[in-house]
Amino acid sequence: MVSLQEQLMKAGLVDKKKVKVVNQEKAKQQKIERRTGVQSVNETKEAVAEAQRQQAERARALNAQRDAAAAAKAVEAQITQMIQVNRQPKGKGNLDVVYNFTIGTKIERIHVSAAVRDHLVAGRLSIVAHAGGFELVPRVIADKIAERAPERVVRVNKAAEAVAEGEDDPYKDFKIPDDFDW
């Protein structure tokens, strides 16, 4: 294969003297580099390496963003599945009572049967937000949901026995009547 120098000489753009001078300077530069151990800086190579590094960084950032979105979607699917599989009926509809609870500063209400209300008060059932509404799930499921997305769990009551045992209640001698309704 014919070198670039030979092609330029054939075209008449350079002569033998210029080629000889360039080759001598190139040899001198290589000799100096070998002696000092310092290579000449090639700006083009550095610019290409920097561009590749930046492109790799952007690709890593985009991959991390896609992975985070996929993980969030997977967590949402897990929560939806847990709620759909474990949701409890709220009541029959004809003898329902209103159960009030708060979300931040807003008071919400759901209609539940008396038995379901007792389970909510006792802490066996919890209220979770789902699809623009509220669903009732067992407390263990609400704890699993709270691990993944704490904002979805709206209401979890502590078990009444655990609260009463741990503190000195000044009203422990006064029993609440069974027919008392809040």
Protein backbone atom coordinates (compact mmCIF):
# COMPACT_ATOMS: atom_id res chain seq x y z
CA MET A 1 0.00 0.00 0.00
CA VAL A 2 1.27 3.41 -0.87
CA SER A 3 1.82 5.82 2.05
CA LEU A 4 0.42 9.31 2.25
CA GLN A 5 3.89 10.80 1.82
CA GLU A 6 4.43 8.95 -1.45
CA GLN A 7 1.00 10.02 -2.70
CA LEU A 8 1.75 13.67 -1.89
CA MET A 9 5.13 13.43 -3.63
CA LYS A 10 3.53 11.94 -6.76
CA ALA A 11 0.95 14.72 -6.75
CA GLY A 12 3.74 17.28 -6.52
CA LEU A 13 2.49 18.86 -3.33
CA VAL A 14 5.69 18.10 -1.37
CA ASP A 15 9.25 17.37 -2.32
CA LYS A 16 11.84 14.94 -0.93
CA LYS A 17 13.47 17.60 1.25
CA LYS A 18 10.25 18.39 3.13
CA VAL A 19 9.53 14.69 3.64
CA LYS A 20 13.05 14.14 5.00
CA VAL A 21 12.75 17.13 7.41
CA VAL A 22 9.36 15.93 8.71
CA ASN A 23 10.68 12.39 9.24
CA GLN A 24 13.70 13.72 11.14
CA GLU A 25 11.53 15.88 13.43
CA LYS A 26 9.23 12.93 14.06
CA ALA A 27 12.19 10.70 14.96
CA LYS A 28 13.59 13.39 17.31
CA GLN A 29 10.22 13.72 19.05
CA GLN A 30 9.96 9.95 19.56
CA LYS A 31 13.52 9.84 20.93
CA ILE A 32 12.74 12.61 23.44
CA GLU A 33 9.56 10.82 24.52
CA ARG A 34 11.44 7.56 25.11
CA ARG A 35 14.18 9.32 27.07
CA THR A 36 11.89 11.39 29.35
CA GLY A 37 9.04 8.87 29.58
CA VAL A 38 6.54 11.65 28.86
CA GLN A 39 4.47 11.27 25.77
CA SER A 40 3.20 14.24 23.85
CA VAL A 41 -0.38 15.09 24.54
CA ASN A 42 -2.76 14.36 21.74
CA GLU A 43 -5.69 16.71 22.18
CA THR A 44 -7.85 14.85 19.71
CA LYS A 45 -7.51 11.57 21.59
CA GLU A 46 -8.30 13.28 24.87
CA ALA A 47 -11.35 14.99 23.40
CA VAL A 48 -12.62 11.69 22.03
CA ALA A 49 -12.02 9.96 25.38
CA GLU A 50 -13.84 12.77 27.22
CA ALA A 51 -16.79 12.58 24.83
CA GLN A 52 -16.99 8.81 25.31
CA ARG A 53 -16.87 9.22 29.09
CA GLN A 54 -19.65 11.80 29.04
CA GLN A 55 -21.75 9.61 26.76
CA ALA A 56 -21.24 6.63 29.09
CA GLU A 57 -22.28 8.81 32.06
CA ARG A 58 -25.47 9.90 30.29
CA ALA A 59 -26.24 6.29 29.38
CA ARG A 60 -25.73 5.21 33.02
CA ALA A 61 -28.01 8.00 34.25
CA LEU A 62 -30.73 7.05 31.75
CA ASN A 63 -30.44 3.38 32.70
CA ALA A 64 -30.70 4.24 36.39
CA GLN A 65 -33.79 6.34 35.67
CA ARG A 66 -35.40 3.50 33.69
CA ASP A 67 -34.55 1.00 36.42
CA ALA A 68 -36.09 3.26 39.08
CA ALA A 69 -39.27 3.65 37.03
CA ALA A 70 -39.49 -0.11 36.51
CA ALA A 71 -38.95 -0.74 40.23
CA ALA A 72 -41.67 1.78 41.15
CA LYS A 73 -44.04 0.13 38.69
CA ALA A 74 -43.28 -3.29 40.16
CA VAL A 75 -43.91 -2.05 43.71
CA GLU A 76 -47.22 -0.51 42.62
CA ALA A 77 -48.23 -3.82 41.01
CA GLN A 78 -47.32 -5.72 44.20
CA ILE A 79 -49.40 -3.35 46.33
CA THR A 80 -52.37 -3.57 43.98
CA GLN A 81 -52.21 -7.35 44.01
CA MET A 82 -51.97 -7.49 47.83
CA ILE A 83 -54.99 -5.21 48.18
CA GLN A 84 -57.11 -7.07 45.62
CA VAL A 85 -56.34 -10.49 47.08
CA ASN A 86 -56.75 -9.53 50.76
CA ARG A 87 -59.46 -6.87 50.80
CA GLN A 88 -62.25 -7.42 53.29
CA PRO A 89 -65.95 -6.65 52.81
CA LYS A 90 -67.12 -3.40 54.34
CA GLY A 91 -70.62 -4.50 55.22
CA LYS A 92 -74.03 -5.45 53.91
CA GLY A 93 -75.23 -1.93 53.20
CA ASN A 94 -78.52 -1.82 55.07
CA LEU A 95 -77.33 -1.66 58.70
CA ASP A 96 -74.03 0.10 58.12
CA VAL A 97 -72.52 2.66 60.47
CA VAL A 98 -70.26 5.53 59.52
CA TYR A 99 -66.57 5.20 60.41
CA ASN A 100 -64.72 8.54 60.32
CA PHE A 101 -60.95 8.82 59.93
CA THR A 102 -58.52 11.55 58.97
CA ILE A 103 -56.07 11.90 56.12
CA GLY A 104 -53.81 14.78 57.01
CA THR A 105 -56.28 17.56 57.84
CA LYS A 106 -59.20 16.11 55.90
CA ILE A 107 -61.88 13.93 57.51
CA GLU A 108 -63.03 11.00 55.41
CA ARG A 109 -65.78 8.48 56.09
CA ILE A 110 -66.70 5.00 55.02
CA HIS A 111 -69.80 2.98 55.73
CA VAL A 112 -69.02 -0.32 57.44
CA SER A 113 -70.92 -2.90 59.42
CA ALA A 114 -70.73 -2.87 63.21
CA ALA A 115 -68.51 -5.97 63.23
CA VAL A 116 -66.09 -4.43 60.75
CA ARG A 117 -66.01 -1.21 62.81
CA ASP A 118 -65.09 -3.29 65.88
CA HIS A 119 -62.25 -4.91 63.92
CA LEU A 120 -61.02 -1.48 62.80
CA VAL A 121 -61.08 -0.15 66.36
CA ALA A 122 -59.34 -3.26 67.70
CA GLY A 123 -56.60 -2.92 65.09
CA ARG A 124 -57.25 -6.17 63.26
CA LEU A 125 -58.22 -4.34 60.05
CA SER A 126 -56.59 -1.32 58.47
CA ILE A 127 -57.65 1.20 55.84
CA VAL A 128 -55.53 1.62 52.71
CA ALA A 129 -55.95 3.96 49.75
CA HIS A 130 -56.58 2.18 46.46
CA ALA A 131 -57.80 3.42 43.07
CA GLY A 132 -59.16 6.71 44.36
CA GLY A 133 -61.04 5.03 47.21
CA PHE A 134 -60.39 3.08 50.37
CA GLU A 135 -60.17 -0.63 51.04
CA LEU A 136 -60.03 -2.66 54.23
CA VAL A 137 -57.19 -5.17 54.61
CA PRO A 138 -55.84 -7.21 57.53
CA ARG A 139 -53.21 -5.47 59.61
CA VAL A 140 -50.35 -7.77 58.53
CA ILE A 141 -51.06 -6.87 54.89
CA ALA A 142 -51.18 -3.17 55.79
CA ASP A 143 -47.75 -3.55 57.43
CA LYS A 144 -46.38 -5.11 54.23
CA ILE A 145 -47.88 -2.30 52.18
CA ALA A 146 -46.40 0.28 54.57
CA GLU A 147 -42.93 -1.19 53.96
CA ARG A 148 -43.30 -0.52 50.25
CA ALA A 149 -45.37 2.69 50.24
CA PRO A 150 -46.19 4.21 53.64
CA GLU A 151 -48.41 6.91 52.09
CA ARG A 152 -50.90 4.27 50.92
CA VAL A 153 -51.74 3.09 54.46
CA VAL A 154 -54.34 5.52 55.74
CA ARG A 155 -55.32 4.16 59.12
CA VAL A 156 -53.82 1.53 61.42
CA ASN A 157 -55.12 1.38 64.99
CA LYS A 158 -52.95 -0.10 67.69
CA ALA A 159 -54.40 -3.12 69.42
CA ALA A 160 -56.42 -1.97 72.43
CA GLU A 161 -54.79 -4.51 74.76
CA ALA A 162 -51.27 -3.37 73.91
CA VAL A 163 -52.08 0.27 74.63
CA ALA A 164 -53.86 -0.42 77.94
CA GLU A 165 -51.13 -2.71 79.31
CA GLY A 166 -48.25 -0.35 78.72
CA GLU A 167 -49.48 2.68 80.63
CA ASP A 168 -51.12 3.55 83.94
CA ASP A 169 -54.62 4.38 82.87
CA PRO A 170 -56.41 6.54 85.47
CA TYR A 171 -59.77 5.44 84.02
CA LYS A 172 -59.14 1.69 84.11
CA ASP A 173 -61.75 1.24 86.87
CA PHE A 174 -64.44 2.87 84.71
CA LYS A 175 -65.82 0.50 82.10
CA ILE A 176 -67.33 1.73 78.83
CA PRO A 177 -70.86 0.45 78.32
CA ASP A 178 -71.36 -1.99 75.45
CA ASP A 179 -74.21 -0.02 73.95
CA PHE A 180 -72.22 3.24 73.84
CA ASP A 181 -71.83 4.52 70.28
CA TRP A 182 -69.47 7.36 69.35
